[in-house]
Amino acid sequence: MKTKEELKRYVTTEQGAKDQNAWYKLGSLYRKDEEWGKALNAYARCMELGASNAAQEATEAIKRILDYKNTNWMP
């Protein structure tokens, strides 16, 4: 499975719903497309299924992006 659509369908199956790697990959595809909420949800599901340092690191990176404020150009 390489596309977001394929992964979205897969994780709705019984097997896919429990597949930590599929959730991580889906989160990464959402992140790439800057769909932050969907990425965070996919990473959260990945972490629910087991310890995943990569998903935790990706979550923290997204939070930093969303918290970022450049005071030089934003009021």
C-alpha atoms as a PDB file:
ATOM      1  CA  MET A   1       0.000   0.000   0.000  1.00  0.00           C
ATOM      2  CA  LYS A   2       1.497   3.225  -1.117  1.00  0.00           C
ATOM      3  CA  THR A   3      -1.275   5.767  -1.357  1.00  0.00           C
ATOM      4  CA  LYS A   4      -3.280   7.518   1.302  1.00  0.00           C
ATOM      5  CA  GLU A   5      -6.497   6.127  -0.149  1.00  0.00           C
ATOM      6  CA  GLU A   6      -5.218   2.533   0.010  1.00  0.00           C
ATOM      7  CA  LEU A   7      -4.113   2.980   3.610  1.00  0.00           C
ATOM      8  CA  LYS A   8      -7.365   4.666   4.631  1.00  0.00           C
ATOM      9  CA  ARG A   9      -9.292   1.672   3.274  1.00  0.00           C
ATOM     10  CA  TYR A  10      -6.879  -0.810   4.888  1.00  0.00           C
ATOM     11  CA  VAL A  11      -7.081   0.667   8.388  1.00  0.00           C
ATOM     12  CA  THR A  12     -10.875   0.282   8.299  1.00  0.00           C
ATOM     13  CA  THR A  13     -10.462  -3.495   8.041  1.00  0.00           C
ATOM     14  CA  GLU A  14     -10.156  -5.688  11.119  1.00  0.00           C
ATOM     15  CA  GLN A  15      -6.524  -6.479  10.364  1.00  0.00           C
ATOM     16  CA  GLY A  16      -5.608  -2.936   9.347  1.00  0.00           C
ATOM     17  CA  ALA A  17      -7.176  -1.381  12.429  1.00  0.00           C
ATOM     18  CA  LYS A  18      -4.561  -3.223  14.503  1.00  0.00           C
ATOM     19  CA  ASP A  19      -1.611  -2.536  12.195  1.00  0.00           C
ATOM     20  CA  GLN A  20       0.689  -0.071  13.934  1.00  0.00           C
ATOM     21  CA  ASN A  21       2.893   0.372  10.861  1.00  0.00           C
ATOM     22  CA  ALA A  22      -0.074   1.194   8.622  1.00  0.00           C
ATOM     23  CA  TRP A  23      -1.247   3.892  11.036  1.00  0.00           C
ATOM     24  CA  TYR A  24       2.247   5.359  11.198  1.00  0.00           C
ATOM     25  CA  LYS A  25       2.572   5.422   7.418  1.00  0.00           C
ATOM     26  CA  LEU A  26      -0.874   6.985   7.058  1.00  0.00           C
ATOM     27  CA  GLY A  27       0.123   9.643   9.594  1.00  0.00           C
ATOM     28  CA  SER A  28       3.270  10.350   7.612  1.00  0.00           C
ATOM     29  CA  LEU A  29       1.291  10.786   4.396  1.00  0.00           C
ATOM     30  CA  TYR A  30      -1.111  13.169   6.122  1.00  0.00           C
ATOM     31  CA  ARG A  31       1.866  15.048   7.572  1.00  0.00           C
ATOM     32  CA  LYS A  32       3.450  15.356   4.143  1.00  0.00           C
ATOM     33  CA  ASP A  33       0.218  16.914   2.860  1.00  0.00           C
ATOM     34  CA  GLU A  34       0.046  19.211   5.927  1.00  0.00           C
ATOM     35  CA  GLU A  35      -3.190  17.624   7.117  1.00  0.00           C
ATOM     36  CA  TRP A  36      -2.087  18.127  10.716  1.00  0.00           C
ATOM     37  CA  GLY A  37      -5.216  16.965  12.563  1.00  0.00           C
ATOM     38  CA  LYS A  38      -5.503  13.762  10.569  1.00  0.00           C
ATOM     39  CA  ALA A  39      -1.782  13.126  11.008  1.00  0.00           C
ATOM     40  CA  LEU A  40      -2.017  13.589  14.775  1.00  0.00           C
ATOM     41  CA  ASN A  41      -4.992  11.223  14.943  1.00  0.00           C
ATOM     42  CA  ALA A  42      -3.201   8.548  12.923  1.00  0.00           C
ATOM     43  CA  TYR A  43      -0.055   8.853  15.045  1.00  0.00           C
ATOM     44  CA  ALA A  44      -2.172   8.672  18.213  1.00  0.00           C
ATOM     45  CA  ARG A  45      -3.753   5.432  16.988  1.00  0.00           C
ATOM     46  CA  CYS A  46      -0.290   4.103  16.166  1.00  0.00           C
ATOM     47  CA  MET A  47       0.866   4.845  19.720  1.00  0.00           C
ATOM     48  CA  GLU A  48      -2.280   3.238  21.197  1.00  0.00           C
ATOM     49  CA  LEU A  49      -1.310   0.010  19.466  1.00  0.00           C
ATOM     50  CA  GLY A  50       2.165  -0.041  20.990  1.00  0.00           C
ATOM     51  CA  ALA A  51       5.179   2.009  21.864  1.00  0.00           C
ATOM     52  CA  SER A  52       6.312   3.974  18.858  1.00  0.00           C
ATOM     53  CA  ASN A  53       9.107   6.472  19.328  1.00  0.00           C
ATOM     54  CA  ALA A  54       8.814   7.555  15.703  1.00  0.00           C
ATOM     55  CA  ALA A  55       5.116   8.405  16.087  1.00  0.00           C
ATOM     56  CA  GLN A  56       5.842  10.301  19.300  1.00  0.00           C
ATOM     57  CA  GLU A  57       8.630  12.276  17.623  1.00  0.00           C
ATOM     58  CA  ALA A  58       6.395  13.050  14.627  1.00  0.00           C
ATOM     59  CA  THR A  59       3.632  14.221  16.970  1.00  0.00           C
ATOM     60  CA  GLU A  60       6.024  16.544  18.767  1.00  0.00           C
ATOM     61  CA  ALA A  61       7.277  17.914  15.442  1.00  0.00           C
ATOM     62  CA  ILE A  62       3.731  18.701  14.333  1.00  0.00           C
ATOM     63  CA  LYS A  63       3.008  20.404  17.650  1.00  0.00           C
ATOM     64  CA  ARG A  64       6.100  22.570  17.205  1.00  0.00           C
ATOM     65  CA  ILE A  65       4.941  23.510  13.702  1.00  0.00           C
ATOM     66  CA  LEU A  66       1.475  24.398  14.954  1.00  0.00           C
ATOM     67  CA  ASP A  67       2.850  26.359  17.916  1.00  0.00           C
ATOM     68  CA  TYR A  68       5.338  28.281  15.809  1.00  0.00           C
ATOM     69  CA  LYS A  69       4.868  31.990  15.566  1.00  0.00           C
ATOM     70  CA  ASN A  70       7.344  34.208  13.758  1.00  0.00           C
ATOM     71  CA  THR A  71       7.079  37.513  15.602  1.00  0.00           C
ATOM     72  CA  ASN A  72       8.841  39.348  12.788  1.00  0.00           C
ATOM     73  CA  TRP A  73       5.880  39.026  10.436  1.00  0.00           C
ATOM     74  CA  MET A  74       2.884  38.141  12.577  1.00  0.00           C
ATOM     75  CA  PRO A  75       1.133  40.684  14.815  1.00  0.00           C
END
